[in-house]
C-alpha cells in the first residue's frame, strides 16, 4: 500500500542512520541512499527500509536517487546525522497539502569540542533565514516541473541546496517555513565545518555559472552573491543576536567560503 509520504535519508556509511530512523514517528516509506555496504544494507532492509546505492561525493546525485526512488507524492529529505523532533514529520506532511516546499528548522547540538557552541549558533542563524537548505526539507513530487524541470543539479556536488533555493525563489514557488517543530543535527567539529565552507564556496561558484545559462538576463556575479546565505549585510544583526564570538566564527567561515568560491570554482 502506498504510504502518505517518503523520508529519504542521505547516508555515507554512518551508523547514526539507525538513530534517525528510530526518530521517525509517522507511518512513512523510508529510503536510505548509501555507499556500498552490504552489512549495513542487510540491517536496514530487515527494518523494511528501501536501500539505494550511490557513489560518494555528490549530494545532488544522492538526493536525486532518493527522490526518484520514493514512491509517495510527498518527499522529505534529511541526513543520517539528524533526528526528527516529535510531530515534525506529521507537520511537514500536512504542510505539503497546500505548499510544494516545506522547511523544518534545524537545531544544531553542542558538545565540549573547540568552537562547538559558535558553530551551532552560526548554523542556527543561517537556518533562521528564508533559505531552503537541506537537511530538513519536504517537497511534492511535482516540484521539478515548477523549477526548470529538475530537482537537484547533478553537475553540482556541493552547495546543492543553494542552487535549489535560487530556482525556487526565481520561479516564485511559495515555501512554508515551520516554526513549532524541529530536526536535531549532530554537533559539527571545526575542521569539518571549515572544509564544508570551502566546498560550499566552490559549489556556489559552479552554480552561478550553471544558473546563468538558465537565467541569461541575470548577471553571473549577482547570482553568485545571492547564493550565499549569511551576507556581510547580516553581520550587525548577527552580532546583536549571537554575540561577538559567533560573528568572528562566521567571518572565519566566510573566509573559507570565499577561498572555495574564488580559487576552487
C-alpha atoms as a PDB file:
ATOM      1  CA  UNK A   1       0.000   0.000   0.000  1.00  0.00           C
ATOM      2  CA  UNK A   2       1.333   3.410  -0.964  1.00  0.00           C
ATOM      3  CA  UNK A   3       2.475   5.482   2.001  1.00  0.00           C
ATOM      4  CA  UNK A   4       1.400   9.067   2.592  1.00  0.00           C
ATOM      5  CA  UNK A   5       4.997  10.294   2.417  1.00  0.00           C
ATOM      6  CA  UNK A   6       8.572   9.109   1.901  1.00  0.00           C
ATOM      7  CA  UNK A   7      11.559  10.052   4.069  1.00  0.00           C
ATOM      8  CA  UNK A   8      14.840   9.989   2.133  1.00  0.00           C
ATOM      9  CA  UNK A   9      17.952   9.715   4.315  1.00  0.00           C
ATOM     10  CA  UNK A  10      21.307  10.524   2.733  1.00  0.00           C
ATOM     11  CA  UNK A  11      23.913   8.283   4.370  1.00  0.00           C
ATOM     12  CA  UNK A  12      27.657   7.795   3.976  1.00  0.00           C
ATOM     13  CA  UNK A  13      28.290   4.583   5.941  1.00  0.00           C
ATOM     14  CA  UNK A  14      27.033   6.380   9.036  1.00  0.00           C
ATOM     15  CA  UNK A  15      25.745   4.285  11.940  1.00  0.00           C
ATOM     16  CA  UNK A  16      23.713   7.276  13.103  1.00  0.00           C
ATOM     17  CA  UNK A  17      21.257   6.432  10.340  1.00  0.00           C
ATOM     18  CA  UNK A  18      19.622   3.958  12.757  1.00  0.00           C
ATOM     19  CA  UNK A  19      19.030   6.755  15.285  1.00  0.00           C
ATOM     20  CA  UNK A  20      17.498   8.857  12.531  1.00  0.00           C
ATOM     21  CA  UNK A  21      15.165   6.005  11.586  1.00  0.00           C
ATOM     22  CA  UNK A  22      14.213   5.450  15.234  1.00  0.00           C
ATOM     23  CA  UNK A  23      13.120   9.094  15.482  1.00  0.00           C
ATOM     24  CA  UNK A  24      10.589   8.737  12.651  1.00  0.00           C
ATOM     25  CA  UNK A  25       7.204   8.849  14.373  1.00  0.00           C
ATOM     26  CA  UNK A  26       4.914   8.550  11.349  1.00  0.00           C
ATOM     27  CA  UNK A  27       3.916   5.695   9.061  1.00  0.00           C
ATOM     28  CA  UNK A  28       6.074   6.627   6.071  1.00  0.00           C
ATOM     29  CA  UNK A  29       8.186   4.951   3.448  1.00  0.00           C
ATOM     30  CA  UNK A  30      11.890   5.126   4.338  1.00  0.00           C
ATOM     31  CA  UNK A  31      14.551   5.314   1.626  1.00  0.00           C
ATOM     32  CA  UNK A  32      18.244   5.306   2.534  1.00  0.00           C
ATOM     33  CA  UNK A  33      20.713   6.351  -0.148  1.00  0.00           C
ATOM     34  CA  UNK A  34      24.085   4.979   0.860  1.00  0.00           C
ATOM     35  CA  UNK A  35      27.527   3.939  -0.287  1.00  0.00           C
ATOM     36  CA  UNK A  36      28.007   0.269  -0.972  1.00  0.00           C
ATOM     37  CA  UNK A  37      27.999  -1.516   2.381  1.00  0.00           C
ATOM     38  CA  UNK A  38      26.424  -4.970   2.297  1.00  0.00           C
ATOM     39  CA  UNK A  39      26.313  -5.479   6.066  1.00  0.00           C
ATOM     40  CA  UNK A  40      24.592  -2.146   6.747  1.00  0.00           C
ATOM     41  CA  UNK A  41      22.259  -2.650   3.798  1.00  0.00           C
ATOM     42  CA  UNK A  42      21.109  -6.011   5.170  1.00  0.00           C
ATOM     43  CA  UNK A  43      20.425  -4.484   8.597  1.00  0.00           C
ATOM     44  CA  UNK A  44      18.436  -1.663   7.042  1.00  0.00           C
ATOM     45  CA  UNK A  45      16.422  -3.936   4.788  1.00  0.00           C
ATOM     46  CA  UNK A  46      15.465  -6.070   7.794  1.00  0.00           C
ATOM     47  CA  UNK A  47      13.811  -2.910   9.124  1.00  0.00           C
ATOM     48  CA  UNK A  48      11.790  -2.584   5.925  1.00  0.00           C
ATOM     49  CA  UNK A  49      13.955   0.226   4.566  1.00  0.00           C
ATOM     50  CA  UNK A  50      14.444   0.686   0.817  1.00  0.00           C
ATOM     51  CA  UNK A  51      18.182   0.954   0.117  1.00  0.00           C
ATOM     52  CA  UNK A  52      19.672   2.678  -2.913  1.00  0.00           C
ATOM     53  CA  UNK A  53      23.377   2.628  -3.688  1.00  0.00           C
ATOM     54  CA  UNK A  54      25.126   5.806  -4.791  1.00  0.00           C
ATOM     55  CA  UNK A  55      28.760   6.721  -5.370  1.00  0.00           C
ATOM     56  CA  UNK A  56      30.092   9.135  -2.724  1.00  0.00           C
ATOM     57  CA  UNK A  57      30.983  12.772  -3.213  1.00  0.00           C
ATOM     58  CA  UNK A  58      27.955  14.337  -4.913  1.00  0.00           C
ATOM     59  CA  UNK A  59      24.960  15.335  -2.789  1.00  0.00           C
ATOM     60  CA  UNK A  60      22.917  16.260  -5.854  1.00  0.00           C
ATOM     61  CA  UNK A  61      23.211  12.738  -7.245  1.00  0.00           C
ATOM     62  CA  UNK A  62      22.470  11.206  -3.835  1.00  0.00           C
ATOM     63  CA  UNK A  63      19.412  13.420  -3.349  1.00  0.00           C
ATOM     64  CA  UNK A  64      18.034  12.752  -6.823  1.00  0.00           C
ATOM     65  CA  UNK A  65      18.457   8.990  -6.455  1.00  0.00           C
ATOM     66  CA  UNK A  66      16.411   9.069  -3.257  1.00  0.00           C
ATOM     67  CA  UNK A  67      13.811  11.406  -4.719  1.00  0.00           C
ATOM     68  CA  UNK A  68      13.348   9.200  -7.784  1.00  0.00           C
ATOM     69  CA  UNK A  69      13.151   6.036  -5.656  1.00  0.00           C
ATOM     70  CA  UNK A  70      10.444   7.468  -3.391  1.00  0.00           C
ATOM     71  CA  UNK A  71       7.004   6.165  -4.356  1.00  0.00           C
ATOM     72  CA  UNK A  72       4.998   8.759  -2.405  1.00  0.00           C
ATOM     73  CA  UNK A  73       3.973  12.160  -3.743  1.00  0.00           C
ATOM     74  CA  UNK A  74       5.426  13.868  -0.659  1.00  0.00           C
ATOM     75  CA  UNK A  75       9.172  13.504  -0.087  1.00  0.00           C
ATOM     76  CA  UNK A  76      11.159  14.606   2.969  1.00  0.00           C
ATOM     77  CA  UNK A  77      14.954  14.899   2.595  1.00  0.00           C
ATOM     78  CA  UNK A  78      17.269  14.559   5.582  1.00  0.00           C
ATOM     79  CA  UNK A  79      20.729  13.249   6.526  1.00  0.00           C
ATOM     80  CA  UNK A  80      21.879  10.363   8.688  1.00  0.00           C
ATOM     81  CA  UNK A  81      23.310  12.742  11.319  1.00  0.00           C
ATOM     82  CA  UNK A  82      19.868  14.148  12.136  1.00  0.00           C
ATOM     83  CA  UNK A  83      16.890  13.058  14.199  1.00  0.00           C
ATOM     84  CA  UNK A  84      13.299  14.233  13.882  1.00  0.00           C
ATOM     85  CA  UNK A  85      11.653  16.037  16.764  1.00  0.00           C
ATOM     86  CA  UNK A  86       8.204  14.981  17.938  1.00  0.00           C
ATOM     87  CA  UNK A  87       5.479  15.528  15.325  1.00  0.00           C
ATOM     88  CA  UNK A  88       7.929  17.141  12.886  1.00  0.00           C
ATOM     89  CA  UNK A  89       7.219  14.673  10.099  1.00  0.00           C
ATOM     90  CA  UNK A  90       3.465  15.000  10.577  1.00  0.00           C
ATOM     91  CA  UNK A  91       3.729  18.806  10.378  1.00  0.00           C
ATOM     92  CA  UNK A  92       5.766  18.570   7.183  1.00  0.00           C
ATOM     93  CA  UNK A  93       3.273  16.172   5.608  1.00  0.00           C
ATOM     94  CA  UNK A  94       0.373  18.458   6.495  1.00  0.00           C
ATOM     95  CA  UNK A  95       2.249  21.465   5.140  1.00  0.00           C
ATOM     96  CA  UNK A  96       2.704  19.715   1.816  1.00  0.00           C
ATOM     97  CA  UNK A  97      -1.077  19.526   1.467  1.00  0.00           C
ATOM     98  CA  UNK A  98      -1.031  23.222   0.498  1.00  0.00           C
ATOM     99  CA  UNK A  99       2.626  24.022  -0.287  1.00  0.00           C
ATOM    100  CA  UNK A 100       5.055  22.399  -2.715  1.00  0.00           C
ATOM    101  CA  UNK A 101       8.009  23.135  -0.416  1.00  0.00           C
ATOM    102  CA  UNK A 102       8.188  22.920   3.387  1.00  0.00           C
ATOM    103  CA  UNK A 103      11.220  23.690   5.537  1.00  0.00           C
ATOM    104  CA  UNK A 104      11.647  22.477   9.126  1.00  0.00           C
ATOM    105  CA  UNK A 105      14.027  24.321  11.491  1.00  0.00           C
ATOM    106  CA  UNK A 106      17.354  22.694  12.321  1.00  0.00           C
ATOM    107  CA  UNK A 107      18.756  22.662  15.866  1.00  0.00           C
ATOM    108  CA  UNK A 108      22.486  22.017  15.934  1.00  0.00           C
ATOM    109  CA  UNK A 109      23.712  20.239  19.033  1.00  0.00           C
ATOM    110  CA  UNK A 110      26.722  21.356  21.029  1.00  0.00           C
ATOM    111  CA  UNK A 111      29.458  19.353  22.740  1.00  0.00           C
ATOM    112  CA  UNK A 112      32.757  20.035  24.501  1.00  0.00           C
ATOM    113  CA  UNK A 113      34.790  20.323  21.280  1.00  0.00           C
ATOM    114  CA  UNK A 114      36.577  23.516  20.327  1.00  0.00           C
ATOM    115  CA  UNK A 115      34.144  26.162  18.974  1.00  0.00           C
ATOM    116  CA  UNK A 116      31.199  23.768  19.125  1.00  0.00           C
ATOM    117  CA  UNK A 117      28.903  26.446  20.553  1.00  0.00           C
ATOM    118  CA  UNK A 118      29.981  29.018  17.974  1.00  0.00           C
ATOM    119  CA  UNK A 119      29.418  26.569  15.114  1.00  0.00           C
ATOM    120  CA  UNK A 120      25.969  25.634  16.404  1.00  0.00           C
ATOM    121  CA  UNK A 121      24.923  29.256  16.891  1.00  0.00           C
ATOM    122  CA  UNK A 122      26.250  30.295  13.467  1.00  0.00           C
ATOM    123  CA  UNK A 123      24.366  27.430  11.833  1.00  0.00           C
ATOM    124  CA  UNK A 124      21.270  28.375  13.804  1.00  0.00           C
ATOM    125  CA  UNK A 125      21.486  31.893  12.389  1.00  0.00           C
ATOM    126  CA  UNK A 126      21.823  30.884   8.736  1.00  0.00           C
ATOM    127  CA  UNK A 127      18.972  28.418   9.094  1.00  0.00           C
ATOM    128  CA  UNK A 128      16.778  31.160  10.536  1.00  0.00           C
ATOM    129  CA  UNK A 129      16.968  32.928   7.167  1.00  0.00           C
ATOM    130  CA  UNK A 130      14.358  32.194   4.436  1.00  0.00           C
ATOM    131  CA  UNK A 131      16.516  29.562   2.711  1.00  0.00           C
ATOM    132  CA  UNK A 132      15.549  26.077   1.532  1.00  0.00           C
ATOM    133  CA  UNK A 133      18.647  24.328   2.811  1.00  0.00           C
ATOM    134  CA  UNK A 134      18.934  20.613   3.430  1.00  0.00           C
ATOM    135  CA  UNK A 135      18.596  18.579   5.528  1.00  0.00           C
ATOM    136  CA  UNK A 136      15.042  19.142   6.605  1.00  0.00           C
ATOM    137  CA  UNK A 137      13.008  19.983   3.534  1.00  0.00           C
ATOM    138  CA  UNK A 138       9.814  18.410   2.261  1.00  0.00           C
ATOM    139  CA  UNK A 139       8.672  18.704  -1.353  1.00  0.00           C
ATOM    140  CA  UNK A 140       5.912  17.471  -3.569  1.00  0.00           C
ATOM    141  CA  UNK A 141       6.890  15.279  -6.490  1.00  0.00           C
ATOM    142  CA  UNK A 142       5.671  17.879  -8.952  1.00  0.00           C
ATOM    143  CA  UNK A 143       8.248  20.438  -7.768  1.00  0.00           C
ATOM    144  CA  UNK A 144      10.879  19.756 -10.507  1.00  0.00           C
ATOM    145  CA  UNK A 145       8.338  20.736 -13.164  1.00  0.00           C
ATOM    146  CA  UNK A 146       7.981  24.126 -11.478  1.00  0.00           C
ATOM    147  CA  UNK A 147      11.707  24.904 -11.224  1.00  0.00           C
ATOM    148  CA  UNK A 148      13.281  24.367 -14.638  1.00  0.00           C
ATOM    149  CA  UNK A 149      12.470  20.661 -14.863  1.00  0.00           C
ATOM    150  CA  UNK A 150      14.821  19.112 -12.302  1.00  0.00           C
ATOM    151  CA  UNK A 151      15.229  18.741  -8.552  1.00  0.00           C
ATOM    152  CA  UNK A 152      18.959  18.944  -7.770  1.00  0.00           C
ATOM    153  CA  UNK A 153      21.595  19.698 -10.421  1.00  0.00           C
ATOM    154  CA  UNK A 154      23.781  16.591 -10.789  1.00  0.00           C
ATOM    155  CA  UNK A 155      26.632  18.760 -12.084  1.00  0.00           C
ATOM    156  CA  UNK A 156      26.843  20.474  -8.664  1.00  0.00           C
ATOM    157  CA  UNK A 157      28.323  18.236  -5.925  1.00  0.00           C
ATOM    158  CA  UNK A 158      28.333  20.794  -3.081  1.00  0.00           C
ATOM    159  CA  UNK A 159      26.053  23.672  -2.013  1.00  0.00           C
ATOM    160  CA  UNK A 160      23.339  21.772  -3.820  1.00  0.00           C
ATOM    161  CA  UNK A 161      20.576  23.404  -1.784  1.00  0.00           C
ATOM    162  CA  UNK A 162      21.717  26.939  -2.668  1.00  0.00           C
ATOM    163  CA  UNK A 163      21.119  26.086  -6.323  1.00  0.00           C
ATOM    164  CA  UNK A 164      17.706  24.659  -5.419  1.00  0.00           C
ATOM    165  CA  UNK A 165      16.795  27.705  -3.316  1.00  0.00           C
ATOM    166  CA  UNK A 166      17.666  30.064  -6.156  1.00  0.00           C
ATOM    167  CA  UNK A 167      15.364  28.303  -8.616  1.00  0.00           C
ATOM    168  CA  UNK A 168      12.528  28.060  -6.069  1.00  0.00           C
ATOM    169  CA  UNK A 169      12.762  31.804  -5.413  1.00  0.00           C
ATOM    170  CA  UNK A 170      13.195  32.706  -9.065  1.00  0.00           C
ATOM    171  CA  UNK A 171      10.114  30.739 -10.088  1.00  0.00           C
ATOM    172  CA  UNK A 172       8.172  32.218  -7.152  1.00  0.00           C
ATOM    173  CA  UNK A 173       7.261  28.883  -5.589  1.00  0.00           C
ATOM    174  CA  UNK A 174       5.839  29.578  -2.113  1.00  0.00           C
ATOM    175  CA  UNK A 175       7.666  27.945   0.812  1.00  0.00           C
ATOM    176  CA  UNK A 176       6.195  27.100   4.209  1.00  0.00           C
ATOM    177  CA  UNK A 177       8.754  27.672   6.969  1.00  0.00           C
ATOM    178  CA  UNK A 178       7.616  25.703  10.008  1.00  0.00           C
ATOM    179  CA  UNK A 179       8.145  27.166  13.478  1.00  0.00           C
ATOM    180  CA  UNK A 180       6.986  24.851  16.258  1.00  0.00           C
ATOM    181  CA  UNK A 181       8.741  21.616  15.249  1.00  0.00           C
ATOM    182  CA  UNK A 182      12.378  20.880  14.532  1.00  0.00           C
ATOM    183  CA  UNK A 183      15.066  18.485  13.387  1.00  0.00           C
ATOM    184  CA  UNK A 184      18.118  17.925  15.590  1.00  0.00           C
ATOM    185  CA  UNK A 185      21.530  17.858  13.915  1.00  0.00           C
ATOM    186  CA  UNK A 186      24.610  16.278  15.479  1.00  0.00           C
ATOM    187  CA  UNK A 187      27.360  18.627  16.625  1.00  0.00           C
ATOM    188  CA  UNK A 188      29.914  19.593  13.983  1.00  0.00           C
ATOM    189  CA  UNK A 189      33.666  19.799  14.563  1.00  0.00           C
ATOM    190  CA  UNK A 190      35.550  22.846  13.398  1.00  0.00           C
ATOM    191  CA  UNK A 191      37.736  21.057  10.833  1.00  0.00           C
ATOM    192  CA  UNK A 192      34.727  19.527   9.089  1.00  0.00           C
ATOM    193  CA  UNK A 193      32.759  22.767   9.212  1.00  0.00           C
ATOM    194  CA  UNK A 194      35.512  24.893   7.683  1.00  0.00           C
ATOM    195  CA  UNK A 195      36.182  22.288   4.986  1.00  0.00           C
ATOM    196  CA  UNK A 196      32.458  22.337   4.260  1.00  0.00           C
ATOM    197  CA  UNK A 197      32.635  26.135   3.950  1.00  0.00           C
ATOM    198  CA  UNK A 198      35.286  25.843   1.251  1.00  0.00           C
ATOM    199  CA  UNK A 199      33.350  23.179  -0.619  1.00  0.00           C
ATOM    200  CA  UNK A 200      30.163  25.222  -0.394  1.00  0.00           C
ATOM    201  CA  UNK A 201      32.030  28.181  -1.851  1.00  0.00           C
ATOM    202  CA  UNK A 202      33.205  26.035  -4.757  1.00  0.00           C
ATOM    203  CA  UNK A 203      29.686  24.716  -5.293  1.00  0.00           C
ATOM    204  CA  UNK A 204      28.196  28.211  -5.286  1.00  0.00           C
ATOM    205  CA  UNK A 205      30.669  29.373  -7.928  1.00  0.00           C
ATOM    206  CA  UNK A 206      29.817  26.380 -10.106  1.00  0.00           C
ATOM    207  CA  UNK A 207      26.099  27.001  -9.554  1.00  0.00           C
ATOM    208  CA  UNK A 208      26.389  30.660 -10.521  1.00  0.00           C
ATOM    209  CA  UNK A 209      27.683  29.598 -13.936  1.00  0.00           C
ATOM    210  CA  UNK A 210      25.058  26.898 -14.399  1.00  0.00           C
ATOM    211  CA  UNK A 211      22.200  29.129 -13.297  1.00  0.00           C
ATOM    212  CA  UNK A 212      23.373  31.969 -15.528  1.00  0.00           C
ATOM    213  CA  UNK A 213      22.825  29.636 -18.501  1.00  0.00           C
ATOM    214  CA  UNK A 214      19.180  29.232 -17.428  1.00  0.00           C
ATOM    215  CA  UNK A 215      18.547  32.836 -16.395  1.00  0.00           C
ATOM    216  CA  UNK A 216      20.628  34.607 -19.013  1.00  0.00           C
ATOM    217  CA  UNK A 217      19.376  38.070 -18.061  1.00  0.00           C
ATOM    218  CA  UNK A 218      20.745  37.678 -14.530  1.00  0.00           C
ATOM    219  CA  UNK A 219      24.458  38.595 -14.222  1.00  0.00           C
ATOM    220  CA  UNK A 220      26.558  35.671 -13.058  1.00  0.00           C
ATOM    221  CA  UNK A 221      28.116  37.754 -10.282  1.00  0.00           C
ATOM    222  CA  UNK A 222      24.665  38.715  -8.995  1.00  0.00           C
ATOM    223  CA  UNK A 223      23.580  35.083  -8.957  1.00  0.00           C
ATOM    224  CA  UNK A 224      26.733  34.073  -7.103  1.00  0.00           C
ATOM    225  CA  UNK A 225      26.196  36.749  -4.461  1.00  0.00           C
ATOM    226  CA  UNK A 226      22.608  35.673  -3.883  1.00  0.00           C
ATOM    227  CA  UNK A 227      23.556  32.020  -3.368  1.00  0.00           C
ATOM    228  CA  UNK A 228      25.346  32.695  -0.071  1.00  0.00           C
ATOM    229  CA  UNK A 229      23.132  32.502   2.999  1.00  0.00           C
ATOM    230  CA  UNK A 230      24.777  34.858   5.508  1.00  0.00           C
ATOM    231  CA  UNK A 231      25.992  38.019   3.782  1.00  0.00           C
ATOM    232  CA  UNK A 232      28.072  40.896   5.095  1.00  0.00           C
ATOM    233  CA  UNK A 233      24.893  42.959   5.425  1.00  0.00           C
ATOM    234  CA  UNK A 234      23.736  40.428   8.029  1.00  0.00           C
ATOM    235  CA  UNK A 235      26.779  40.938  10.281  1.00  0.00           C
ATOM    236  CA  UNK A 236      25.292  43.697  12.510  1.00  0.00           C
ATOM    237  CA  UNK A 237      22.149  41.659  13.136  1.00  0.00           C
ATOM    238  CA  UNK A 238      24.189  38.504  13.709  1.00  0.00           C
ATOM    239  CA  UNK A 239      26.290  40.389  16.284  1.00  0.00           C
ATOM    240  CA  UNK A 240      23.187  41.560  18.140  1.00  0.00           C
ATOM    241  CA  UNK A 241      21.564  38.124  18.046  1.00  0.00           C
ATOM    242  CA  UNK A 242      24.515  35.846  18.720  1.00  0.00           C
ATOM    243  CA  UNK A 243      27.405  37.911  20.098  1.00  0.00           C
ATOM    244  CA  UNK A 244      30.951  38.701  19.069  1.00  0.00           C
ATOM    245  CA  UNK A 245      32.374  35.153  19.255  1.00  0.00           C
ATOM    246  CA  UNK A 246      29.773  33.800  16.848  1.00  0.00           C
ATOM    247  CA  UNK A 247      30.288  36.744  14.494  1.00  0.00           C
ATOM    248  CA  UNK A 248      34.052  36.151  14.490  1.00  0.00           C
ATOM    249  CA  UNK A 249      33.496  32.480  13.730  1.00  0.00           C
ATOM    250  CA  UNK A 250      31.107  33.406  10.910  1.00  0.00           C
ATOM    251  CA  UNK A 251      33.811  35.662   9.444  1.00  0.00           C
ATOM    252  CA  UNK A 252      36.298  32.777   9.622  1.00  0.00           C
ATOM    253  CA  UNK A 253      33.742  30.515   7.931  1.00  0.00           C
ATOM    254  CA  UNK A 254      33.132  33.143   5.259  1.00  0.00           C
ATOM    255  CA  UNK A 255      36.845  33.465   4.516  1.00  0.00           C
ATOM    256  CA  UNK A 256      36.942  29.726   3.827  1.00  0.00           C
ATOM    257  CA  UNK A 257      33.792  30.034   1.718  1.00  0.00           C
ATOM    258  CA  UNK A 258      35.345  32.754  -0.451  1.00  0.00           C
ATOM    259  CA  UNK A 259      38.539  30.750  -0.755  1.00  0.00           C
ATOM    260  CA  UNK A 260      36.479  27.966  -2.303  1.00  0.00           C
ATOM    261  CA  UNK A 261      34.430  30.395  -4.373  1.00  0.00           C
ATOM    262  CA  UNK A 262      37.356  32.215  -5.983  1.00  0.00           C
ATOM    263  CA  UNK A 263      40.041  29.515  -6.004  1.00  0.00           C
ATOM    264  CA  UNK A 264      38.142  26.244  -6.288  1.00  0.00           C
ATOM    265  CA  UNK A 265      35.303  27.076  -8.641  1.00  0.00           C
END
